[in-house]
Amino acid sequence: MSVLALGLNHGSAPLDLRGRFAIPLEALGRSVQGLRNHLARAAPEVAILSTCNRTELYVGLPPSACPRHAIELVEPSIEWLARQGGTSADSLRGHSYFLHGAEAARHAFRVASGLDSMVLGEPQILGQMKQAVREAEGAGALGTTLHQLFQRSFAVAKEVRSSTEIGAHAVSMAAAAVRLATQLFGELSQTRVLFVGAGEMIELVATHFAAHEPMSLTIANRGRERGQVLCERLGAQPLALAELGTRLQDFDVVVSCTASSLPLIGLGAVERALKARRRRPMLMLDLAVPRDIEPEVGELDDIYLYTVDDLALQVQVNGERRQAAVLQAEQIVAAGVHGFSHWLEQRASVPLIQALQRRTDDWREAELAKARRALARGQDVDAVMEALSNALTRKLLHGALAELHSSAGEAHQHWMDSVQRMFLRPDSHRRH
């Protein structure tokens, strides 16, 4: 099969290692083109999915490619990805996975459906996958194989979300964030909450906090328009990112999730904030990959720092309902994998079908030309038609009969079964 998936995620690699491989959205198109150039000899289709929890390469080959050609792309793909993260290929192998054929399709379908997410059913991944597809298309790196893979992924995800309760568990990450805040501060009515970023995760967490009516909500975001929209919806106050260092002491809870490649909140800024707060505790939730908050901040007294991995461990859902939803979703995924595998198999046979049609057309044209010459010489029409039909029949049966005569053992039985299916099926003589 001509599809492979390769990468690392929250299950295979720790947070700080994942952060080294995270690709910002604005660089995704260039990265796709860079990977495709690196694999240029095979001229593959390429797409890259990069989120907080995973960086994955998807590679597709034409139907004429044999499985060996796909396998040969694994090592250069690992080498390219390792170079992006500034590590060795050997180091990366210990934290990565490689999937081929039907298993690659199953993985893509599970990712799109939220089944492979740190928080079961989280909705952001589907939008991130669609963005990855748009970037691959924009780079001219998406062809028929990966287009089918992703479109079928989206269809499976839609069915999973509409037919199961998987989506009901997606809010658990946001709920866990609020639960941590209430454990530390009790009622949230006297707390001031700062959100850094304005993406989907921040919107989800902020909505949960807003429902508990804290004293104030503030949103700091680089893009003014999106931040303003979220402020208006939640009744929050805007804050310029440039003011973050001087205003940090004003907040009891800080939730950050941006696409910054470097930490936005450093140890020194938090130390100054604590001093200004006279050691009143702060809850800091860093949901970004790479980190938005320097990890050393967690070592400070009176600071309670949780990463996205820490928060996932806090998530608790009803086991029986969760398991039932997962089983139902996995059945939908399995049906999708079967359909995609069948499509790939059918597509792989297209060159053979085309060659067969060309060969039979050549035979037909050659025998028609003979028949026309015979008729021009005045030969009997019935005799010419008889000769035409006999010649075509001999040509069509020649290969099968030759194999039956020359084969032995298992090969002979194989050809007997094949000839039976091709020419002697019960309905093969019927007229339609």
Protein backbone atom coordinates (compact mmCIF):
# COMPACT_ATOMS: atom_id res chain seq x y z
CA MET A 1 0.00 0.00 0.00
CA SER A 2 1.30 3.44 -0.91
CA VAL A 3 0.75 5.47 2.30
CA LEU A 4 2.93 5.91 5.35
CA ALA A 5 2.75 7.99 8.54
CA LEU A 6 5.73 8.82 10.73
CA GLY A 7 6.09 11.05 13.77
CA LEU A 8 6.00 11.50 17.52
CA ASN A 9 3.19 12.40 19.92
CA HIS A 10 2.26 12.74 23.59
CA GLY A 11 2.34 8.96 23.96
CA SER A 12 5.82 8.48 22.53
CA ALA A 13 7.75 11.61 23.55
CA PRO A 14 7.93 13.94 26.59
CA LEU A 15 6.68 17.52 26.35
CA ASP A 16 10.06 19.25 25.99
CA LEU A 17 11.12 16.90 23.18
CA ARG A 18 7.80 17.44 21.37
CA GLY A 19 8.38 21.16 21.65
CA ARG A 20 11.59 20.91 19.64
CA PHE A 21 9.68 19.49 16.68
CA ALA A 22 6.66 21.81 16.77
CA ILE A 23 6.29 23.71 13.48
CA PRO A 24 4.51 27.10 13.61
CA LEU A 25 1.61 27.48 11.19
CA GLU A 26 3.38 30.21 9.25
CA ALA A 27 6.30 27.84 8.58
CA LEU A 28 4.24 24.76 7.74
CA GLY A 29 4.11 25.35 3.98
CA ARG A 30 7.88 25.82 3.78
CA SER A 31 8.42 22.69 5.83
CA VAL A 32 6.18 20.67 3.52
CA GLN A 33 8.16 21.87 0.53
CA GLY A 34 11.44 21.13 2.33
CA LEU A 35 10.40 17.56 3.12
CA ARG A 36 9.21 16.99 -0.43
CA ASN A 37 12.51 18.29 -1.81
CA HIS A 38 14.37 15.98 0.57
CA LEU A 39 12.40 13.01 -0.81
CA ALA A 40 12.51 14.32 -4.38
CA ARG A 41 13.84 11.12 -5.95
CA ALA A 42 10.59 9.31 -5.09
CA ALA A 43 8.40 12.33 -6.03
CA PRO A 44 5.96 11.58 -3.20
CA GLU A 45 2.90 13.42 -1.93
CA VAL A 46 3.58 15.03 1.45
CA ALA A 47 1.63 16.60 4.34
CA ILE A 48 2.74 17.60 7.84
CA LEU A 49 0.52 17.78 10.93
CA SER A 50 2.02 19.75 13.82
CA THR A 51 0.05 20.43 17.02
CA CYS A 52 0.67 20.71 20.77
CA ASN A 53 0.61 16.94 21.06
CA ARG A 54 2.17 15.66 17.83
CA THR A 55 4.31 16.28 14.79
CA GLU A 56 3.55 13.79 12.01
CA LEU A 57 4.65 13.32 8.42
CA TYR A 58 2.24 11.76 5.93
CA VAL A 59 3.69 10.47 2.66
CA GLY A 60 1.81 9.07 -0.33
CA LEU A 61 3.12 7.30 -3.42
CA PRO A 62 1.50 6.61 -6.80
CA PRO A 63 -0.43 3.33 -7.25
CA SER A 64 2.37 1.86 -9.36
CA ALA A 65 4.78 2.03 -6.41
CA CYS A 66 5.47 -1.22 -4.59
CA PRO A 67 5.46 -1.40 -0.76
CA ARG A 68 9.26 -1.52 -0.78
CA HIS A 69 9.40 2.00 -2.23
CA ALA A 70 7.35 3.35 0.66
CA ILE A 71 9.55 1.57 3.22
CA GLU A 72 12.62 3.10 1.60
CA LEU A 73 11.28 6.57 2.44
CA VAL A 74 11.23 5.93 6.19
CA GLU A 75 14.92 6.57 6.88
CA PRO A 76 15.21 9.81 4.87
CA SER A 77 11.97 11.01 6.49
CA ILE A 78 13.37 10.32 9.98
CA GLU A 79 16.61 12.08 9.05
CA TRP A 80 14.71 15.15 7.83
CA LEU A 81 12.51 15.31 10.93
CA ALA A 82 15.47 14.79 13.27
CA ARG A 83 17.25 17.71 11.63
CA GLN A 84 14.20 19.95 12.21
CA GLY A 85 14.34 19.16 15.93
CA GLY A 86 18.10 19.52 16.18
CA THR A 87 18.65 15.93 17.24
CA SER A 88 20.05 12.73 15.78
CA ALA A 89 18.02 10.20 13.85
CA ASP A 90 18.96 7.55 16.42
CA SER A 91 17.59 9.68 19.26
CA LEU A 92 14.39 10.36 17.39
CA ARG A 93 13.74 6.69 16.62
CA GLY A 94 13.35 5.94 20.32
CA HIS A 95 10.46 8.39 20.58
CA SER A 96 8.78 8.04 17.18
CA TYR A 97 6.52 5.61 15.34
CA PHE A 98 6.16 4.46 11.75
CA LEU A 99 2.94 3.14 10.25
CA HIS A 100 2.39 1.82 6.76
CA GLY A 101 -0.63 0.99 4.62
CA ALA A 102 -3.86 0.20 6.44
CA GLU A 103 -2.30 1.01 9.83
CA ALA A 104 -1.29 4.47 8.59
CA ALA A 105 -4.88 5.04 7.45
CA ARG A 106 -6.24 3.78 10.78
CA HIS A 107 -3.92 6.17 12.62
CA ALA A 108 -5.02 9.17 10.51
CA PHE A 109 -8.71 8.32 11.06
CA ARG A 110 -8.20 7.97 14.82
CA VAL A 111 -6.30 11.25 15.00
CA ALA A 112 -9.04 13.13 13.11
CA SER A 113 -11.70 11.60 15.37
CA GLY A 114 -9.97 12.62 18.60
CA LEU A 115 -9.31 8.99 19.56
CA ASP A 116 -5.55 9.48 19.63
CA SER A 117 -5.66 12.78 21.52
CA MET A 118 -4.34 13.42 25.00
CA VAL A 119 -7.91 14.31 25.94
CA LEU A 120 -10.38 11.94 24.32
CA GLY A 121 -12.51 13.62 21.66
CA GLU A 122 -10.89 17.07 21.76
CA PRO A 123 -12.26 19.02 18.77
CA GLN A 124 -9.22 21.16 17.88
CA ILE A 125 -7.36 18.36 16.11
CA LEU A 126 -9.84 18.15 13.23
CA GLY A 127 -9.39 21.82 12.39
CA GLN A 128 -5.61 21.46 12.69
CA MET A 129 -5.64 18.52 10.31
CA LYS A 130 -7.72 20.47 7.80
CA GLN A 131 -5.23 23.32 8.05
CA ALA A 132 -2.38 20.85 7.40
CA VAL A 133 -4.17 19.72 4.25
CA ARG A 134 -4.63 23.31 3.07
CA GLU A 135 -0.92 24.00 3.61
CA ALA A 136 0.06 20.85 1.68
CA GLU A 137 -2.27 21.82 -1.16
CA GLY A 138 -0.83 25.32 -1.21
CA ALA A 139 2.68 23.88 -1.49
CA GLY A 140 1.58 21.66 -4.39
CA ALA A 141 2.44 18.55 -2.38
CA LEU A 142 -0.97 16.90 -2.14
CA GLY A 143 -2.04 14.32 -4.73
CA THR A 144 -4.84 11.82 -5.18
CA THR A 145 -3.66 9.35 -2.53
CA LEU A 146 -3.31 11.76 0.40
CA HIS A 147 -6.36 13.72 -0.74
CA GLN A 148 -8.43 10.55 -0.42
CA LEU A 149 -6.79 9.68 2.91
CA PHE A 150 -7.64 13.03 4.49
CA GLN A 151 -11.10 13.44 2.99
CA ARG A 152 -12.01 10.00 4.30
CA SER A 153 -10.45 10.98 7.66
CA PHE A 154 -12.76 13.98 7.85
CA ALA A 155 -15.79 11.87 6.92
CA VAL A 156 -14.96 9.29 9.60
CA ALA A 157 -14.43 12.06 12.19
CA LYS A 158 -17.80 13.58 11.33
CA GLU A 159 -19.55 10.24 11.77
CA VAL A 160 -17.74 9.56 15.05
CA ARG A 161 -18.74 12.93 16.48
CA SER A 162 -22.36 12.68 15.33
CA SER A 163 -22.89 9.01 16.25
CA THR A 164 -21.00 8.62 19.54
CA GLU A 165 -20.43 10.48 22.81
CA ILE A 166 -16.71 10.95 22.14
CA GLY A 167 -17.13 14.73 21.89
CA ALA A 168 -18.68 14.88 25.36
CA HIS A 169 -15.29 14.11 26.89
CA ALA A 170 -13.50 16.93 25.08
CA VAL A 171 -14.40 19.53 27.70
CA SER A 172 -12.62 17.55 30.41
CA MET A 173 -9.30 19.41 29.93
CA ALA A 174 -11.00 22.76 30.49
CA ALA A 175 -12.98 21.35 33.40
CA ALA A 176 -9.77 20.05 34.98
CA ALA A 177 -8.23 23.53 34.73
CA VAL A 178 -11.18 25.06 36.59
CA ARG A 179 -11.08 22.25 39.15
CA LEU A 180 -7.41 22.98 39.93
CA ALA A 181 -8.24 26.65 40.41
CA THR A 182 -11.11 25.92 42.79
CA GLN A 183 -8.92 23.51 44.78
CA LEU A 184 -6.35 26.27 45.26
CA PHE A 185 -8.58 29.32 45.72
CA GLY A 186 -11.97 27.93 46.66
CA GLU A 187 -14.68 30.08 45.11
CA LEU A 188 -13.39 31.84 41.99
CA SER A 189 -15.43 35.00 42.56
CA GLN A 190 -12.39 36.71 44.14
CA THR A 191 -9.83 35.57 41.56
CA ARG A 192 -8.39 37.45 38.61
CA VAL A 193 -7.67 35.26 35.58
CA LEU A 194 -5.31 36.02 32.69
CA PHE A 195 -5.37 34.14 29.39
CA VAL A 196 -2.38 34.43 27.09
CA GLY A 197 -3.41 33.58 23.53
CA ALA A 198 -6.81 33.44 21.86
CA GLY A 199 -6.86 30.10 20.05
CA GLU A 200 -9.40 27.32 20.36
CA MET A 201 -7.91 25.83 23.54
CA ILE A 202 -7.83 29.21 25.29
CA GLU A 203 -11.41 29.89 24.13
CA LEU A 204 -12.56 26.56 25.56
CA VAL A 205 -10.81 27.04 28.93
CA ALA A 206 -11.81 30.70 29.18
CA THR A 207 -15.46 29.82 28.58
CA HIS A 208 -15.34 27.37 31.49
CA PHE A 209 -13.73 29.92 33.79
CA ALA A 210 -16.25 32.58 32.77
CA ALA A 211 -19.10 30.32 33.86
CA HIS A 212 -17.72 30.53 37.43
CA GLU A 213 -17.84 34.35 37.36
CA PRO A 214 -14.33 35.26 38.55
CA MET A 215 -13.63 38.84 39.63
CA SER A 216 -12.03 39.60 36.25
CA LEU A 217 -11.00 37.98 32.97
CA THR A 218 -8.13 39.40 30.90
CA ILE A 219 -6.90 38.26 27.49
CA ALA A 220 -3.43 39.01 26.10
CA ASN A 221 -2.97 38.10 22.46
CA ARG A 222 -0.62 39.11 19.68
CA GLY A 223 -3.44 39.36 17.11
CA ARG A 224 -5.67 42.21 18.27
CA GLU A 225 -8.76 41.25 16.22
CA ARG A 226 -9.20 37.70 17.50
CA GLY A 227 -8.37 38.73 21.04
CA GLN A 228 -10.95 41.52 20.86
CA VAL A 229 -13.66 39.17 19.62
CA LEU A 230 -13.03 36.80 22.53
CA CYS A 231 -12.97 39.71 25.00
CA GLU A 232 -16.36 40.91 23.79
CA ARG A 233 -17.88 37.44 23.97
CA LEU A 234 -16.66 36.76 27.51
CA GLY A 235 -16.76 40.27 28.92
CA ALA A 236 -12.97 40.23 29.36
CA GLN A 237 -10.40 43.02 29.30
CA PRO A 238 -7.65 43.16 26.63
CA LEU A 239 -3.98 43.34 27.55
CA ALA A 240 -1.04 44.06 25.27
CA LEU A 241 1.59 41.32 25.29
CA ALA A 242 4.22 43.99 25.88
CA GLU A 243 2.62 44.68 29.29
CA LEU A 244 2.71 41.04 30.38
CA GLY A 245 5.88 41.37 32.47
CA THR A 246 4.68 44.42 34.40
CA ARG A 247 1.10 43.24 34.99
CA LEU A 248 1.72 39.60 35.92
CA GLN A 249 1.35 40.27 39.64
CA ASP A 250 -2.27 41.36 39.11
CA PHE A 251 -3.48 37.83 38.35
CA ASP A 252 -4.14 34.77 40.49
CA VAL A 253 -4.54 32.35 37.57
CA VAL A 254 -2.53 32.49 34.34
CA VAL A 255 -3.46 30.19 31.44
CA SER A 256 -1.19 30.34 28.41
CA CYS A 257 -1.42 28.62 25.04
CA THR A 258 0.27 30.34 22.10
CA ALA A 259 2.29 29.27 19.08
CA SER A 260 5.40 31.11 20.26
CA SER A 261 8.67 29.25 19.66
CA LEU A 262 10.17 30.77 22.83
CA PRO A 263 8.75 31.15 26.38
CA LEU A 264 6.72 34.31 26.90
CA ILE A 265 6.83 34.20 30.69
CA GLY A 266 10.27 33.88 32.25
CA LEU A 267 11.54 33.05 35.71
CA GLY A 268 12.57 36.64 36.50
CA ALA A 269 9.15 38.06 35.64
CA VAL A 270 7.39 35.53 37.88
CA GLU A 271 9.82 36.18 40.75
CA ARG A 272 9.06 39.90 40.54
CA ALA A 273 5.33 39.18 40.39
CA LEU A 274 5.51 37.01 43.52
CA LYS A 275 7.40 39.69 45.39
CA ALA A 276 4.78 42.28 44.43
CA ARG A 277 2.01 39.87 45.49
CA ARG A 278 3.70 39.36 48.88
CA ARG A 279 3.92 35.61 48.24
CA ARG A 280 0.22 35.13 47.53
CA PRO A 281 0.04 31.93 45.44
CA MET A 282 -0.43 31.81 41.69
CA LEU A 283 -1.79 29.00 39.54
CA MET A 284 -0.10 28.85 36.14
CA LEU A 285 -1.35 26.52 33.39
CA ASP A 286 1.00 26.19 30.43
CA LEU A 287 -0.96 24.43 27.67
CA ALA A 288 1.50 25.31 24.89
CA VAL A 289 4.04 23.16 23.05
CA PRO A 290 6.76 24.43 23.00
CA ARG A 291 6.33 25.85 26.50
CA ASP A 292 5.09 29.41 27.02
CA ILE A 293 6.35 29.44 30.65
CA GLU A 294 9.94 28.59 31.57
CA PRO A 295 9.95 25.24 33.44
CA GLU A 296 12.11 26.67 36.27
CA VAL A 297 9.06 28.71 37.32
CA GLY A 298 7.56 25.52 38.74
CA GLU A 299 10.34 25.32 41.32
CA LEU A 300 9.29 28.61 42.98
CA ASP A 301 7.43 28.52 46.28
CA ASP A 302 3.83 29.69 45.97
CA ILE A 303 3.73 28.87 42.25
CA TYR A 304 1.60 25.95 41.09
CA LEU A 305 2.66 25.26 37.51
CA TYR A 306 0.93 22.63 35.37
CA THR A 307 1.80 21.71 31.79
CA VAL A 308 -0.55 20.28 29.20
CA ASP A 309 0.73 16.80 30.12
CA ASP A 310 0.13 17.42 33.84
CA LEU A 311 -3.38 18.63 33.16
CA ALA A 312 -4.20 15.57 31.09
CA LEU A 313 -3.39 13.40 34.12
CA GLN A 314 -6.02 15.32 36.07
CA VAL A 315 -8.73 14.43 33.60
CA GLN A 316 -11.25 11.95 34.96
CA VAL A 317 -14.20 10.66 32.92
CA ASN A 318 -16.86 8.03 33.43
CA GLY A 319 -15.13 4.77 32.54
CA GLU A 320 -18.06 2.74 31.24
CA ARG A 321 -19.53 5.49 29.06
CA ARG A 322 -16.07 6.36 27.81
CA GLN A 323 -15.31 2.76 26.88
CA ALA A 324 -18.63 2.34 25.08
CA ALA A 325 -18.03 5.49 23.05
CA VAL A 326 -14.50 4.40 22.16
CA LEU A 327 -15.64 0.94 21.01
CA GLN A 328 -18.36 2.47 18.85
CA ALA A 329 -15.92 4.98 17.38
CA GLU A 330 -13.32 2.28 16.66
CA GLN A 331 -15.92 0.36 14.65
CA ILE A 332 -16.54 3.45 12.53
CA VAL A 333 -12.79 3.84 12.05
CA ALA A 334 -12.44 0.18 11.04
CA ALA A 335 -15.13 0.57 8.39
CA GLY A 336 -13.35 3.66 7.07
CA VAL A 337 -10.03 1.81 6.90
CA HIS A 338 -11.65 -1.03 4.97
CA GLY A 339 -13.12 1.42 2.46
CA PHE A 340 -9.82 3.25 1.98
CA SER A 341 -7.86 0.01 1.62
CA HIS A 342 -10.31 -1.18 -1.03
CA TRP A 343 -9.96 2.13 -2.88
CA LEU A 344 -6.17 1.83 -2.85
CA GLU A 345 -6.29 -1.75 -4.11
CA GLN A 346 -8.67 -0.80 -6.91
CA ARG A 347 -6.52 2.19 -7.81
CA ALA A 348 -3.40 0.02 -7.89
CA SER A 349 -5.02 -2.22 -10.52
CA VAL A 350 -5.79 0.69 -12.88
CA PRO A 351 -2.48 0.44 -14.83
CA LEU A 352 -3.05 -3.30 -15.34
CA ILE A 353 -6.61 -2.73 -16.55
CA GLN A 354 -5.44 -0.03 -18.95
CA ALA A 355 -2.69 -2.29 -20.35
CA LEU A 356 -5.20 -5.12 -20.79
CA GLN A 357 -7.58 -2.84 -22.64
CA ARG A 358 -4.79 -1.63 -24.93
CA ARG A 359 -3.73 -5.20 -25.70
CA THR A 360 -7.27 -6.37 -26.54
CA ASP A 361 -7.85 -3.25 -28.66
CA ASP A 362 -4.69 -4.08 -30.63
CA TRP A 363 -5.93 -7.64 -31.19
CA ARG A 364 -9.35 -6.43 -32.26
CA GLU A 365 -7.97 -3.84 -34.69
CA ALA A 366 -5.53 -6.35 -36.20
CA GLU A 367 -8.23 -8.98 -36.80
CA LEU A 368 -10.67 -6.38 -38.16
CA ALA A 369 -8.01 -5.26 -40.64
CA LYS A 370 -7.54 -8.89 -41.78
CA ALA A 371 -11.29 -9.33 -42.15
CA ARG A 372 -11.65 -6.16 -44.23
CA ARG A 373 -8.85 -7.28 -46.56
CA ALA A 374 -10.50 -10.69 -46.95
CA LEU A 375 -13.84 -9.10 -47.75
CA ALA A 376 -12.17 -6.77 -50.28
CA ARG A 377 -10.76 -9.85 -52.02
CA GLY A 378 -14.33 -11.16 -52.35
CA GLN A 379 -14.20 -13.96 -49.76
CA ASP A 380 -17.47 -15.30 -48.34
CA VAL A 381 -18.82 -13.09 -45.51
CA ASP A 382 -19.72 -15.99 -43.22
CA ALA A 383 -16.26 -17.53 -43.64
CA VAL A 384 -14.60 -14.18 -42.84
CA MET A 385 -16.74 -13.71 -39.73
CA GLU A 386 -15.96 -17.27 -38.61
CA ALA A 387 -12.24 -16.68 -39.04
CA LEU A 388 -12.46 -13.37 -37.15
CA SER A 389 -14.24 -14.89 -34.16
CA ASN A 390 -11.91 -17.92 -34.05
CA ALA A 391 -8.78 -15.71 -34.12
CA LEU A 392 -10.03 -13.45 -31.31
CA THR A 393 -11.03 -16.46 -29.21
CA ARG A 394 -7.60 -18.07 -29.63
CA LYS A 395 -5.83 -14.83 -28.67
CA LEU A 396 -8.00 -14.35 -25.56
CA LEU A 397 -7.49 -17.94 -24.37
CA HIS A 398 -3.88 -18.42 -25.40
CA GLY A 399 -2.24 -17.16 -22.18
CA ALA A 400 -4.54 -19.06 -19.82
CA LEU A 401 -4.27 -22.32 -21.80
CA ALA A 402 -0.48 -22.03 -22.01
CA GLU A 403 -0.24 -21.64 -18.21
CA LEU A 404 -2.56 -24.62 -17.66
CA HIS A 405 -0.40 -26.79 -19.88
CA SER A 406 2.98 -25.70 -18.48
CA SER A 407 2.24 -25.29 -14.75
CA ALA A 408 2.37 -27.96 -12.04
CA GLY A 409 1.55 -28.40 -8.35
CA GLU A 410 0.15 -25.40 -6.50
CA ALA A 411 0.70 -23.15 -9.52
CA HIS A 412 -1.40 -25.49 -11.67
CA GLN A 413 -4.21 -25.46 -9.09
CA HIS A 414 -4.01 -21.67 -8.95
CA TRP A 415 -4.42 -21.40 -12.72
CA MET A 416 -7.29 -23.90 -12.71
CA ASP A 417 -9.11 -21.82 -10.08
CA SER A 418 -8.40 -18.57 -11.94
CA VAL A 419 -9.62 -19.93 -15.30
CA GLN A 420 -12.73 -21.29 -13.60
CA ARG A 421 -13.50 -17.86 -12.11
CA MET A 422 -12.73 -15.93 -15.31
CA PHE A 423 -14.40 -18.09 -17.96
CA LEU A 424 -16.66 -20.72 -16.37
CA ARG A 425 -18.70 -18.90 -13.75
CA PRO A 426 -22.35 -20.03 -13.78
CA ASP A 427 -23.54 -16.71 -15.15
CA SER A 428 -20.66 -16.14 -17.59
CA HIS A 429 -22.63 -17.51 -20.58
CA ARG A 430 -25.76 -15.52 -19.92
CA ARG A 431 -26.71 -12.66 -22.16
CA HIS A 432 -27.41 -9.32 -20.51
